[in-house]
Amino acid sequence: MPHDPDEMNTPPPLPPADAALAAALARLAPAPAALDRDRLMFVAGAESRRSVVRLWQFAAGILAAVGFAAGILYVQSASRPVPAATAPR
């Protein structure tokens, strides 16, 4: 067991065949990423917001339908004659 701390982290020597393979692998450059990171993050953000947007669209549609129905009821009630109020005796 070595007493020098620097020798403790030194890897054992490689056999010649493995050393040649290690040298060949060290010369390789990594391939560029096939994904566009910014586009991926944009699509993920848009997808996560889709359900919230649909909820707001649904709420706006319901409110528009209620407003339309209230307008129709108001127009119909305005066209009916109002009964005359009678004075108390």
C-alpha atoms as a PDB file:
ATOM      1  CA  MET A   1       0.000   0.000   0.000  1.00  0.00           C
ATOM      2  CA  PRO A   2       1.585   3.305  -1.063  1.00  0.00           C
ATOM      3  CA  HIS A   3       1.959   6.019   1.505  1.00  0.00           C
ATOM      4  CA  ASP A   4       1.990   8.907  -0.983  1.00  0.00           C
ATOM      5  CA  PRO A   5      -1.590  10.239  -1.499  1.00  0.00           C
ATOM      6  CA  ASP A   6      -0.817  11.095  -5.138  1.00  0.00           C
ATOM      7  CA  GLU A   7       0.046   7.487  -5.912  1.00  0.00           C
ATOM      8  CA  MET A   8      -3.270   6.248  -4.505  1.00  0.00           C
ATOM      9  CA  ASN A   9      -5.248   7.816  -7.355  1.00  0.00           C
ATOM     10  CA  THR A  10      -2.960   6.710 -10.160  1.00  0.00           C
ATOM     11  CA  PRO A  11      -4.617   4.097 -12.394  1.00  0.00           C
ATOM     12  CA  PRO A  12      -2.700   0.899 -13.081  1.00  0.00           C
ATOM     13  CA  PRO A  13      -0.831   0.731 -16.403  1.00  0.00           C
ATOM     14  CA  LEU A  14      -2.910  -0.442 -19.371  1.00  0.00           C
ATOM     15  CA  PRO A  15      -1.992  -3.372 -21.571  1.00  0.00           C
ATOM     16  CA  PRO A  16      -0.746  -2.267 -25.041  1.00  0.00           C
ATOM     17  CA  ALA A  17      -3.984  -3.251 -26.828  1.00  0.00           C
ATOM     18  CA  ASP A  18      -6.088  -1.284 -24.342  1.00  0.00           C
ATOM     19  CA  ALA A  19      -3.698   1.670 -24.510  1.00  0.00           C
ATOM     20  CA  ALA A  20      -4.120   1.833 -28.297  1.00  0.00           C
ATOM     21  CA  LEU A  21      -7.907   1.708 -27.918  1.00  0.00           C
ATOM     22  CA  ALA A  22      -7.831   4.406 -25.229  1.00  0.00           C
ATOM     23  CA  ALA A  23      -5.709   6.644 -27.470  1.00  0.00           C
ATOM     24  CA  ALA A  24      -8.068   6.109 -30.417  1.00  0.00           C
ATOM     25  CA  LEU A  25     -11.098   6.916 -28.274  1.00  0.00           C
ATOM     26  CA  ALA A  26      -9.414  10.034 -26.908  1.00  0.00           C
ATOM     27  CA  ARG A  27      -9.002  11.375 -30.457  1.00  0.00           C
ATOM     28  CA  LEU A  28     -12.729  11.111 -31.224  1.00  0.00           C
ATOM     29  CA  ALA A  29     -14.845  14.252 -31.112  1.00  0.00           C
ATOM     30  CA  PRO A  30     -18.416  14.064 -29.819  1.00  0.00           C
ATOM     31  CA  ALA A  31     -21.146  14.284 -32.434  1.00  0.00           C
ATOM     32  CA  PRO A  32     -23.226  17.464 -32.396  1.00  0.00           C
ATOM     33  CA  ALA A  33     -26.595  17.206 -30.689  1.00  0.00           C
ATOM     34  CA  ALA A  34     -29.477  16.331 -32.975  1.00  0.00           C
ATOM     35  CA  LEU A  35     -31.901  18.332 -30.812  1.00  0.00           C
ATOM     36  CA  ASP A  36     -32.388  22.069 -30.827  1.00  0.00           C
ATOM     37  CA  ARG A  37     -32.470  22.817 -27.099  1.00  0.00           C
ATOM     38  CA  ASP A  38     -34.249  26.167 -27.440  1.00  0.00           C
ATOM     39  CA  ARG A  39     -36.957  24.721 -29.685  1.00  0.00           C
ATOM     40  CA  LEU A  40     -37.428  21.775 -27.329  1.00  0.00           C
ATOM     41  CA  MET A  41     -37.879  24.075 -24.329  1.00  0.00           C
ATOM     42  CA  PHE A  42     -40.316  26.287 -26.260  1.00  0.00           C
ATOM     43  CA  VAL A  43     -42.445  23.312 -27.316  1.00  0.00           C
ATOM     44  CA  ALA A  44     -42.426  21.906 -23.778  1.00  0.00           C
ATOM     45  CA  GLY A  45     -43.545  25.248 -22.350  1.00  0.00           C
ATOM     46  CA  ALA A  46     -46.283  25.658 -24.930  1.00  0.00           C
ATOM     47  CA  GLU A  47     -47.518  22.127 -24.298  1.00  0.00           C
ATOM     48  CA  SER A  48     -47.674  22.677 -20.548  1.00  0.00           C
ATOM     49  CA  ARG A  49     -49.800  25.815 -21.012  1.00  0.00           C
ATOM     50  CA  ARG A  50     -52.222  24.259 -23.502  1.00  0.00           C
ATOM     51  CA  SER A  51     -54.647  22.919 -20.861  1.00  0.00           C
ATOM     52  CA  VAL A  52     -54.730  26.272 -19.067  1.00  0.00           C
ATOM     53  CA  VAL A  53     -55.474  28.092 -22.316  1.00  0.00           C
ATOM     54  CA  ARG A  54     -58.259  25.613 -23.130  1.00  0.00           C
ATOM     55  CA  LEU A  55     -59.760  26.201 -19.666  1.00  0.00           C
ATOM     56  CA  TRP A  56     -59.831  29.962 -20.247  1.00  0.00           C
ATOM     57  CA  GLN A  57     -61.324  29.502 -23.706  1.00  0.00           C
ATOM     58  CA  PHE A  58     -64.058  27.302 -22.229  1.00  0.00           C
ATOM     59  CA  ALA A  59     -64.789  29.849 -19.469  1.00  0.00           C
ATOM     60  CA  ALA A  60     -64.961  32.685 -22.008  1.00  0.00           C
ATOM     61  CA  GLY A  61     -67.341  30.656 -24.179  1.00  0.00           C
ATOM     62  CA  ILE A  62     -69.645  29.954 -21.230  1.00  0.00           C
ATOM     63  CA  LEU A  63     -69.665  33.620 -20.230  1.00  0.00           C
ATOM     64  CA  ALA A  64     -70.413  34.666 -23.810  1.00  0.00           C
ATOM     65  CA  ALA A  65     -73.323  32.201 -23.964  1.00  0.00           C
ATOM     66  CA  VAL A  66     -74.706  33.454 -20.640  1.00  0.00           C
ATOM     67  CA  GLY A  67     -74.400  37.062 -21.818  1.00  0.00           C
ATOM     68  CA  PHE A  68     -76.133  36.251 -25.093  1.00  0.00           C
ATOM     69  CA  ALA A  69     -78.984  34.475 -23.257  1.00  0.00           C
ATOM     70  CA  ALA A  70     -79.344  37.385 -20.829  1.00  0.00           C
ATOM     71  CA  GLY A  71     -79.537  39.807 -23.758  1.00  0.00           C
ATOM     72  CA  ILE A  72     -82.225  37.742 -25.470  1.00  0.00           C
ATOM     73  CA  LEU A  73     -84.263  37.560 -22.248  1.00  0.00           C
ATOM     74  CA  TYR A  74     -83.917  41.307 -21.757  1.00  0.00           C
ATOM     75  CA  VAL A  75     -85.102  42.075 -25.287  1.00  0.00           C
ATOM     76  CA  GLN A  76     -88.066  39.721 -24.888  1.00  0.00           C
ATOM     77  CA  SER A  77     -89.040  41.217 -21.530  1.00  0.00           C
ATOM     78  CA  ALA A  78     -88.793  44.765 -22.903  1.00  0.00           C
ATOM     79  CA  SER A  79     -91.274  43.980 -25.668  1.00  0.00           C
ATOM     80  CA  ARG A  80     -93.974  42.744 -23.228  1.00  0.00           C
ATOM     81  CA  PRO A  81     -96.327  45.371 -21.851  1.00  0.00           C
ATOM     82  CA  VAL A  82     -95.808  46.240 -18.221  1.00  0.00           C
ATOM     83  CA  PRO A  83     -99.007  45.967 -16.156  1.00  0.00           C
ATOM     84  CA  ALA A  84    -100.253  49.299 -14.811  1.00  0.00           C
ATOM     85  CA  ALA A  85     -99.711  49.861 -11.156  1.00  0.00           C
ATOM     86  CA  THR A  86    -102.828  50.529  -9.179  1.00  0.00           C
ATOM     87  CA  ALA A  87    -102.979  52.985  -6.357  1.00  0.00           C
ATOM     88  CA  PRO A  88    -103.764  51.560  -2.937  1.00  0.00           C
ATOM     89  CA  ARG A  89    -107.329  52.266  -1.677  1.00  0.00           C
END
